[in-house]
Amino acid sequence: MKTTIVITALVLIFLAISPHSNNCIAGWQGLPPISVPRAGIAAAALDGEIYAIGGGQGPGFTYDLVERYNPVLEQWTTITPLNHARAFAAAASANGRIFVFGGRLDPSTPIGTVEMYDPELETWEDVAELTVPREGLAAVYFQDEIWVIGGHSATAGYSGDVDAFDPANLTFSQPYPSINPMRAGHAAAASEDEIRILGGVYFGLLNLNTTWNDSIWVNETPLTIPRRSLGAVILGDSLIAFGGDNGENPLNTAECFRFSTSEWTPFDSMLFHRQAPGVTTFNGEIYAIGGYGVTTCDYGYLSSMEKYTSPLVPVDDRARNIIQPVQFRLTCYPNPFNSRVTIGVEIPPGIAEPIDISVNNIIGQTVFSYSYGLIGPGAHTFNWNGTSQEGVSLPSGIYWVSINGGSGGNIHPIVLIK
C-alpha cells in the first residue's frame, strides 16, 4: 500500500467553526466561545465544569467577569463576578473551591488579593494577600497545597517567589526555595509527584523546563523554542506545552516532553494562535480559552475555545500512543512558517512504505512533488521551503497537510507567511 502526503491550499473557511461544531483538526476541537474576547484569563476546573475568570483587552479593559462552561450541555453561563477585576492572574482548585491569585488591573497596578469562590454559595471572598502583588504568575495544586510561583510587578520587578498556600486554613506558610532565574509569563503543570515550570520571560524569552526535585529546582531538557504566556499540562507520562508567543507572534504550535526519554517532540498544533489563553484540564482533556491571536482569522483578542480530545483512549494510553505510535502521525513545525517548514512523519512499528509528497494549490493543481522512497518505522522529516517544482515562491496562505494510510488518517493546517 502506498502512503501519500498531500499539502492542499484552502481558503480560511475552516476556521469559521460553528460554536457548537464537533469539527476537529489534529485532535483539537472547537467549542462554544466565551461572551467577551479577552486574554490573560485564569482558568480552572471544578465539579465537572470549566471556569473562565477575569482577563482583559489591554489598559482600561480589565474584567471581573466570570463564566462557567458545562461540557455536557456545551453551554457557558455568566456567574457571580470577581470582587476585583484582574487579568494575568492564576487560578487553582482545591477542597471544592476555586482560588485566584494576583494579576493586574493595568500594567502599572499589580494585585495582591487572593479570592476564593464557593460554588454552593456562588460567592467570591477575599481570603488572603500575596507577600508581593504580581501578575503573570502561576499556581498549581500539589500535595495538599497551592504553589504560587513567580510573576512580575511594575514596582518590584520579576519574582522568583514560590509561596505555599494552605486551602484549608486559607493562609500562606513558609515559602519554598525560589526559582532561578526569576520569571513571569511562564506555565506550570503538576501531577501527584511532579511540578513543571515552562518558558516565561526574564529580560528575554526563556525556554526553560524546570522541575521540583525533592528540595531544589532543576532545569531539564529545554523547550524547542522559547515561549511566554503559554499553556502546559501533564497528561499521563507526558508534558505538553502549547501556544504562547515567541517574542514576535502568538503561536499555535505545541510540543510534547516524554518523561521516559527526556526528549521534546512536535505535538498537534492548535486551531488558533493563542497568547495568554486560559488553560485547564478536565477528564483527561485540555481546554484553551480566549487569548490573543495573530492571523487574519484569529487576530486580536479571542473569544474562541478549543479542547484536545484525540485519541479517545484513557490518559495513560494516550501518553503511550504518543511514545509508540499505532498509526501514521503527521507534524509540522514551525507553524506559521516563513521560509521553511519541517514536515514530520512517524511510522508505526512493522510498516515500511514508499512516501510521496505533493503540494497542491487552491484549485487542486500539483505545484510541487517529491518521492520520499521506501522508509521504515520511526520518525522521519522533510523540509519544504514553500516553493513550486520550478523553484518559484508560492503565495502566503493556509495550507492543509494530510496523511492517509495505516489504521487511520490525520490532517493538519499550516500557514505560509511571506
Protein backbone atom coordinates (compact mmCIF):
# COMPACT_ATOMS: atom_id res chain seq x y z
CA MET A 1 0.00 0.00 0.00
CA LYS A 2 1.25 3.46 -0.85
CA THR A 3 1.01 6.30 1.65
CA THR A 4 0.55 9.77 0.14
CA ILE A 5 1.05 13.06 1.92
CA VAL A 6 -0.84 15.86 0.23
CA ILE A 7 -0.46 19.54 1.09
CA THR A 8 -3.58 21.33 -0.19
CA ALA A 9 -4.08 25.08 -0.08
CA LEU A 10 -7.52 26.03 1.21
CA VAL A 11 -9.41 29.22 1.96
CA LEU A 12 -9.80 30.33 5.56
CA ILE A 13 -13.33 28.96 5.85
CA PHE A 14 -12.20 26.05 8.03
CA LEU A 15 -11.55 28.45 10.90
CA ALA A 16 -15.11 29.76 10.84
CA ILE A 17 -16.18 26.89 13.06
CA SER A 18 -19.70 26.93 14.43
CA PRO A 19 -19.67 27.42 18.21
CA HIS A 20 -21.32 24.02 18.67
CA SER A 21 -19.32 22.29 15.97
CA ASN A 22 -17.58 18.99 16.60
CA ASN A 23 -15.12 19.62 13.77
CA CYS A 24 -11.67 18.52 14.79
CA ILE A 25 -8.25 19.23 13.31
CA ALA A 26 -5.36 17.12 14.56
CA GLY A 27 -7.00 16.42 17.91
CA TRP A 28 -8.12 19.98 18.73
CA GLN A 29 -11.88 20.57 18.66
CA GLY A 30 -13.73 23.89 18.51
CA LEU A 31 -16.19 24.58 21.35
CA PRO A 32 -18.68 27.36 22.16
CA PRO A 33 -17.00 30.74 22.75
CA ILE A 34 -16.99 32.88 25.87
CA SER A 35 -19.12 36.04 25.76
CA VAL A 36 -16.32 38.62 25.76
CA PRO A 37 -13.00 38.21 23.87
CA ARG A 38 -10.07 38.59 26.24
CA ALA A 39 -6.56 37.43 27.12
CA GLY A 40 -4.91 36.75 30.46
CA ILE A 41 -7.81 34.58 31.64
CA ALA A 42 -7.36 32.48 34.77
CA ALA A 43 -8.95 29.08 34.16
CA ALA A 44 -9.89 26.25 36.50
CA ALA A 45 -11.99 23.10 36.54
CA LEU A 46 -14.32 22.28 39.44
CA ASP A 47 -17.10 19.71 39.85
CA GLY A 48 -17.10 18.81 36.19
CA GLU A 49 -17.30 22.38 34.87
CA ILE A 50 -14.78 24.82 33.39
CA TYR A 51 -14.35 28.39 34.69
CA ALA A 52 -13.00 31.37 32.71
CA ILE A 53 -12.06 34.04 35.24
CA GLY A 54 -11.24 37.69 34.57
CA GLY A 55 -8.93 38.67 31.73
CA GLY A 56 -8.63 41.85 29.72
CA GLN A 57 -8.29 43.64 26.40
CA GLY A 58 -5.47 45.98 27.31
CA PRO A 59 -5.29 49.03 29.61
CA GLY A 60 -8.71 50.23 30.69
CA PHE A 61 -10.43 46.98 29.75
CA THR A 62 -9.82 44.57 32.61
CA TYR A 63 -12.76 42.40 33.62
CA ASP A 64 -14.27 40.98 36.78
CA LEU A 65 -16.33 38.71 34.52
CA VAL A 66 -16.56 35.00 35.42
CA GLU A 67 -18.10 32.45 33.06
CA ARG A 68 -18.75 28.75 33.69
CA TYR A 69 -18.86 26.08 30.96
CA ASN A 70 -20.88 22.87 31.20
CA PRO A 71 -19.24 20.25 28.92
CA VAL A 72 -22.40 18.12 28.82
CA LEU A 73 -24.70 20.94 27.74
CA GLU A 74 -21.90 22.68 25.77
CA GLN A 75 -23.04 25.94 27.29
CA TRP A 76 -21.49 28.95 29.02
CA THR A 77 -23.21 30.72 31.93
CA THR A 78 -22.18 34.05 33.45
CA ILE A 79 -21.92 33.74 37.23
CA THR A 80 -21.05 35.97 40.18
CA PRO A 81 -18.22 38.35 39.20
CA LEU A 82 -14.91 38.68 41.00
CA ASN A 83 -14.55 41.18 43.81
CA HIS A 84 -11.61 42.67 41.88
CA ALA A 85 -11.26 42.97 38.12
CA ARG A 86 -7.98 41.31 37.14
CA ALA A 87 -6.06 39.95 34.19
CA PHE A 88 -2.98 37.69 34.07
CA ALA A 89 -3.90 36.16 37.42
CA ALA A 90 -3.51 32.48 38.35
CA ALA A 91 -6.19 30.05 39.49
CA ALA A 92 -6.27 26.62 41.10
CA SER A 93 -8.98 24.36 42.52
CA ALA A 94 -8.73 22.73 45.94
CA ASN A 95 -11.13 21.42 48.61
CA GLY A 96 -14.18 22.10 46.45
CA ARG A 97 -13.28 25.77 45.96
CA ILE A 98 -11.51 27.90 43.34
CA PHE A 99 -8.72 30.23 44.40
CA VAL A 100 -7.48 33.16 42.29
CA PHE A 101 -4.10 34.77 42.96
CA GLY A 102 -2.74 38.16 41.95
CA GLY A 103 -2.97 39.58 38.44
CA ARG A 104 -3.18 43.18 37.43
CA LEU A 105 -5.75 45.92 36.94
CA ASP A 106 -3.45 47.59 34.40
CA PRO A 107 0.28 47.31 33.62
CA SER A 108 1.19 49.65 36.49
CA THR A 109 -1.24 48.25 39.08
CA PRO A 110 -0.44 44.69 40.25
CA ILE A 111 -2.93 42.93 42.53
CA GLY A 112 -2.07 41.01 45.69
CA THR A 113 -5.52 39.84 46.73
CA VAL A 114 -6.41 36.15 46.88
CA GLU A 115 -10.10 35.42 46.19
CA MET A 116 -11.99 32.19 46.92
CA TYR A 117 -15.11 31.03 45.05
CA ASP A 118 -17.66 28.92 46.91
CA PRO A 119 -19.87 27.12 44.34
CA GLU A 120 -22.58 26.37 46.91
CA LEU A 121 -22.98 29.98 47.94
CA GLU A 122 -21.93 31.29 44.50
CA THR A 123 -19.84 33.98 46.14
CA TRP A 124 -16.29 35.32 45.92
CA GLU A 125 -14.48 36.17 49.16
CA ASP A 126 -11.14 37.89 49.75
CA VAL A 127 -9.23 35.41 51.91
CA ALA A 128 -5.54 36.36 51.84
CA GLU A 129 -2.84 38.62 50.38
CA LEU A 130 0.27 37.73 48.43
CA THR A 131 3.51 38.85 50.04
CA VAL A 132 4.31 40.68 46.80
CA PRO A 133 1.45 41.70 44.46
CA ARG A 134 2.24 40.44 40.97
CA GLU A 135 0.90 39.39 37.56
CA GLY A 136 1.97 36.70 35.11
CA LEU A 137 2.35 34.21 37.96
CA ALA A 138 1.39 30.52 38.03
CA ALA A 139 -0.49 28.41 40.56
CA VAL A 140 -0.75 24.61 40.86
CA TYR A 141 -2.30 22.30 43.43
CA PHE A 142 0.38 19.94 44.71
CA GLN A 143 0.40 17.66 47.75
CA ASP A 144 -2.40 19.46 49.64
CA GLU A 145 -1.04 22.95 48.94
CA ILE A 146 -1.33 25.50 46.18
CA TRP A 147 2.09 26.57 44.99
CA VAL A 148 2.09 30.18 43.74
CA ILE A 149 5.13 30.67 41.54
CA GLY A 150 6.96 33.69 40.09
CA GLY A 151 5.40 36.70 38.39
CA HIS A 152 6.14 40.38 37.86
CA SER A 153 5.10 43.73 39.25
CA ALA A 154 5.69 47.24 37.99
CA THR A 155 7.24 48.20 41.33
CA ALA A 156 9.16 45.10 42.45
CA GLY A 157 10.14 43.68 39.04
CA TYR A 158 10.44 39.96 38.36
CA SER A 159 9.80 37.44 41.10
CA GLY A 160 11.20 34.02 41.83
CA ASP A 161 9.00 33.52 44.90
CA VAL A 162 7.34 30.15 45.47
CA ASP A 163 4.64 30.68 48.10
CA ALA A 164 2.74 27.79 49.68
CA PHE A 165 -0.97 28.44 50.25
CA ASP A 166 -2.98 26.18 52.55
CA PRO A 167 -6.52 25.95 51.08
CA ALA A 168 -7.87 24.51 54.34
CA ASN A 169 -6.60 27.25 56.66
CA LEU A 170 -6.58 29.99 53.98
CA THR A 171 -3.06 31.07 54.93
CA PHE A 172 0.39 31.21 53.39
CA SER A 173 3.03 29.13 55.14
CA GLN A 174 6.82 29.01 54.87
CA PRO A 175 7.73 29.58 51.20
CA TYR A 176 9.67 27.04 49.16
CA PRO A 177 13.07 27.78 47.55
CA SER A 178 12.83 30.42 44.84
CA ILE A 179 13.16 29.62 41.15
CA ASN A 180 16.23 30.93 39.37
CA PRO A 181 16.16 32.83 37.14
CA MET A 182 13.11 34.76 38.25
CA ARG A 183 10.37 34.82 35.64
CA ALA A 184 6.85 35.80 34.60
CA GLY A 185 4.52 34.61 31.87
CA HIS A 186 5.54 31.01 32.48
CA ALA A 187 3.28 27.96 32.63
CA ALA A 188 3.13 25.44 35.45
CA ALA A 189 1.75 21.92 35.48
CA ALA A 190 1.58 19.35 38.25
CA SER A 191 0.88 15.66 38.75
CA GLU A 192 0.73 13.76 42.02
CA ASP A 193 4.51 13.73 42.33
CA GLU A 194 5.84 16.36 39.96
CA ILE A 195 5.76 20.10 39.23
CA ARG A 196 6.96 21.53 35.93
CA ILE A 197 7.56 25.20 35.09
CA LEU A 198 7.96 26.04 31.42
CA GLY A 199 9.10 29.08 29.48
CA GLY A 200 8.32 32.63 30.53
CA VAL A 201 10.36 35.80 30.37
CA TYR A 202 13.17 37.35 32.40
CA PHE A 203 14.64 40.28 30.42
CA GLY A 204 14.27 37.94 27.44
CA LEU A 205 12.28 34.86 26.49
CA LEU A 206 13.03 31.59 28.26
CA ASN A 207 12.93 28.00 27.01
CA LEU A 208 13.46 26.53 30.47
CA ASN A 209 11.90 23.27 31.61
CA THR A 210 12.22 23.43 35.39
CA THR A 211 11.14 20.67 37.77
CA TRP A 212 10.92 20.37 41.55
CA ASN A 213 13.30 17.63 42.71
CA ASP A 214 12.78 16.94 46.43
CA SER A 215 14.14 20.23 47.77
CA ILE A 216 15.61 22.05 44.78
CA TRP A 217 14.61 23.28 41.34
CA VAL A 218 16.37 21.52 38.46
CA ASN A 219 16.46 22.53 34.79
CA GLU A 220 15.94 19.63 32.39
CA THR A 221 15.79 19.40 28.58
CA PRO A 222 14.62 22.86 27.43
CA LEU A 223 11.69 23.63 25.16
CA THR A 224 12.41 23.50 21.44
CA ILE A 225 11.74 27.25 21.24
CA PRO A 226 11.40 29.93 23.94
CA ARG A 227 7.76 30.72 24.76
CA ARG A 228 5.96 33.05 27.13
CA SER A 229 2.28 33.29 28.05
CA LEU A 230 1.93 29.65 27.08
CA GLY A 231 -0.13 26.72 28.31
CA ALA A 232 1.16 23.48 29.80
CA VAL A 233 -0.40 20.31 31.20
CA ILE A 234 0.72 16.87 32.31
CA LEU A 235 -1.25 14.00 30.80
CA GLY A 236 -0.18 10.54 31.88
CA ASP A 237 3.54 10.19 31.24
CA SER A 238 3.84 13.27 29.01
CA LEU A 239 4.17 17.02 29.46
CA ILE A 240 2.54 19.10 26.73
CA ALA A 241 3.39 22.78 26.06
CA PHE A 242 1.34 24.81 23.60
CA GLY A 243 0.59 28.30 22.36
CA GLY A 244 2.12 31.42 23.85
CA ASP A 245 4.30 33.74 21.81
CA ASN A 246 7.88 33.78 20.57
CA GLY A 247 8.52 37.47 21.15
CA GLU A 248 7.08 38.43 17.76
CA ASN A 249 3.85 36.49 17.15
CA PRO A 250 1.34 34.35 19.04
CA LEU A 251 1.79 30.64 18.37
CA ASN A 252 -0.47 27.69 17.70
CA THR A 253 2.31 25.12 17.80
CA ALA A 254 2.72 22.55 20.56
CA GLU A 255 5.39 20.16 21.74
CA CYS A 256 5.44 17.07 23.94
CA PHE A 257 8.08 16.15 26.53
CA ARG A 258 8.38 12.44 27.05
CA PHE A 259 9.36 11.63 30.62
CA SER A 260 10.69 8.23 29.54
CA THR A 261 13.19 9.73 27.10
CA SER A 262 13.55 13.33 28.34
CA GLU A 263 13.04 14.50 24.75
CA TRP A 264 10.72 17.06 23.17
CA THR A 265 8.82 16.11 20.02
CA PRO A 266 6.28 18.10 17.96
CA PHE A 267 2.65 17.78 19.05
CA ASP A 268 -0.64 18.57 17.29
CA SER A 269 -0.98 22.31 16.60
CA MET A 270 -3.99 24.18 17.95
CA LEU A 271 -6.77 25.53 15.76
CA PHE A 272 -5.92 29.11 16.76
CA HIS A 273 -2.80 31.04 17.63
CA ARG A 274 -3.17 31.85 21.32
CA GLN A 275 -1.03 34.07 23.50
CA ALA A 276 -2.08 34.13 27.18
CA PRO A 277 -5.10 31.81 26.96
CA GLY A 278 -6.86 30.39 29.98
CA VAL A 279 -5.75 26.76 30.33
CA THR A 280 -7.06 23.89 32.41
CA THR A 281 -7.72 20.15 32.19
CA PHE A 282 -10.76 18.03 32.91
CA ASN A 283 -11.41 14.34 32.35
CA GLY A 284 -8.10 13.90 30.54
CA GLU A 285 -8.78 16.72 28.09
CA ILE A 286 -7.00 20.06 27.58
CA TYR A 287 -9.06 23.27 27.44
CA ALA A 288 -7.66 26.51 25.96
CA ILE A 289 -9.87 29.60 26.31
CA GLY A 290 -9.50 33.03 24.71
CA GLY A 291 -6.11 34.68 24.46
CA TYR A 292 -4.62 36.87 21.77
CA GLY A 293 -4.26 35.77 18.14
CA VAL A 294 -2.29 36.81 15.10
CA THR A 295 -3.56 35.74 11.65
CA THR A 296 -6.40 37.05 9.51
CA CYS A 297 -8.85 34.63 11.09
CA ASP A 298 -7.75 34.75 14.70
CA TYR A 299 -6.41 38.29 15.01
CA GLY A 300 -6.82 40.30 18.19
CA TYR A 301 -8.49 39.24 21.42
CA LEU A 302 -10.19 35.86 21.14
CA SER A 303 -13.47 34.51 22.46
CA SER A 304 -13.00 31.05 20.96
CA MET A 305 -12.34 27.90 22.98
CA GLU A 306 -10.89 24.57 21.95
CA LYS A 307 -10.01 21.31 23.63
CA TYR A 308 -7.66 18.45 22.83
CA THR A 309 -9.56 15.18 22.74
CA SER A 310 -7.76 12.76 20.43
CA PRO A 311 -7.02 9.90 20.60
CA LEU A 312 -10.15 8.91 22.51
CA VAL A 313 -8.50 6.49 24.91
CA PRO A 314 -7.58 6.69 28.62
CA VAL A 315 -4.97 9.31 29.53
CA ASP A 316 -2.19 6.85 30.30
CA ASP A 317 -2.82 5.08 26.99
CA ARG A 318 -2.67 8.44 25.21
CA ALA A 319 0.81 9.01 26.55
CA ARG A 320 1.90 5.56 25.41
CA ASN A 321 0.46 6.22 21.96
CA ILE A 322 2.48 9.41 21.75
CA ILE A 323 5.63 7.48 22.55
CA GLN A 324 4.82 4.46 20.38
CA PRO A 325 2.52 5.49 17.53
CA VAL A 326 0.00 2.88 16.47
CA GLN A 327 -0.86 4.74 13.25
CA PHE A 328 0.76 7.22 10.92
CA ARG A 329 1.31 10.58 12.57
CA LEU A 330 1.99 13.93 10.91
CA THR A 331 3.53 17.05 12.45
CA CYS A 332 4.56 20.43 11.06
CA TYR A 333 6.98 22.87 12.67
CA PRO A 334 7.24 25.84 12.84
CA ASN A 335 3.69 26.83 12.13
CA PRO A 336 3.19 29.54 10.85
CA PHE A 337 6.38 29.41 8.78
CA ASN A 338 8.15 31.90 6.57
CA SER A 339 10.99 30.25 4.69
CA ARG A 340 10.89 26.58 5.67
CA VAL A 341 8.59 24.11 7.39
CA THR A 342 9.67 20.73 8.69
CA ILE A 343 7.10 18.04 7.95
CA GLY A 344 7.48 15.13 10.34
CA VAL A 345 6.14 11.64 9.65
CA GLU A 346 6.00 8.97 12.35
CA ILE A 347 5.52 5.45 11.00
CA PRO A 348 4.31 2.68 13.34
CA PRO A 349 6.35 -0.45 14.05
CA GLY A 350 6.18 -3.21 11.47
CA ILE A 351 5.43 -0.99 8.48
CA ALA A 352 7.65 0.14 5.60
CA GLU A 353 6.09 2.36 2.95
CA PRO A 354 7.08 4.45 -0.05
CA ILE A 355 6.17 8.07 0.70
CA ASP A 356 5.28 10.63 -1.95
CA ILE A 357 4.83 14.28 -1.01
CA SER A 358 2.70 16.53 -3.20
CA VAL A 359 1.91 20.22 -2.87
CA ASN A 360 -1.41 21.27 -4.40
CA ASN A 361 -2.70 24.78 -4.93
CA ILE A 362 -6.18 26.01 -4.10
CA ILE A 363 -7.70 24.57 -7.28
CA GLY A 364 -6.06 21.21 -6.82
CA GLN A 365 -3.13 21.62 -9.21
CA THR A 366 0.10 19.95 -8.17
CA VAL A 367 2.78 22.61 -7.86
CA PHE A 368 5.40 20.51 -6.10
CA SER A 369 6.04 16.80 -5.65
CA TYR A 370 8.75 14.74 -4.04
CA SER A 371 9.19 10.97 -3.89
CA TYR A 372 10.50 10.00 -0.46
CA GLY A 373 11.09 6.38 -1.42
CA LEU A 374 10.67 3.42 0.90
CA ILE A 375 11.01 4.35 4.56
CA GLY A 376 10.53 2.18 7.61
CA PRO A 377 9.20 2.60 11.15
CA GLY A 378 10.20 5.60 13.22
CA ALA A 379 10.29 9.38 12.89
CA HIS A 380 11.25 10.98 9.57
CA THR A 381 11.35 14.61 8.47
CA PHE A 382 11.17 16.51 5.19
CA ASN A 383 11.84 20.22 4.79
CA TRP A 384 9.69 22.24 2.36
CA ASN A 385 10.70 25.82 1.55
CA GLY A 386 7.34 27.00 0.19
CA THR A 387 8.36 26.90 -3.48
CA SER A 388 6.96 25.18 -6.56
CA GLN A 389 8.64 22.39 -8.52
CA GLU A 390 10.31 25.09 -10.62
CA GLY A 391 11.63 26.90 -7.56
CA VAL A 392 9.10 29.74 -7.71
CA SER A 393 7.93 31.08 -4.33
CA LEU A 394 4.32 30.22 -3.55
CA PRO A 395 1.96 32.86 -2.13
CA SER A 396 1.08 33.25 1.53
CA GLY A 397 -1.95 31.39 2.77
CA ILE A 398 -3.42 28.48 4.65
CA TYR A 399 -2.38 25.00 3.51
CA TRP A 400 -3.65 21.63 4.63
CA VAL A 401 -1.22 18.83 5.29
CA SER A 402 -2.92 15.45 5.19
CA ILE A 403 -1.62 11.93 5.64
CA ASN A 404 -3.56 8.82 4.68
CA GLY A 405 -2.56 5.26 5.50
CA GLY A 406 -2.08 2.78 8.29
CA SER A 407 -5.09 2.28 10.55
CA GLY A 408 -6.26 5.89 10.29
CA GLY A 409 -5.63 9.35 8.88
CA ASN A 410 -4.58 12.77 10.08
CA ILE A 411 -5.00 16.28 8.74
CA HIS A 412 -3.03 19.35 9.70
CA PRO A 413 -3.29 23.03 8.69
CA ILE A 414 -0.16 25.09 8.17
CA VAL A 415 0.24 28.79 7.47
CA LEU A 416 2.74 30.23 4.99
CA ILE A 417 3.56 33.88 5.74
CA LYS A 418 5.85 35.79 3.39
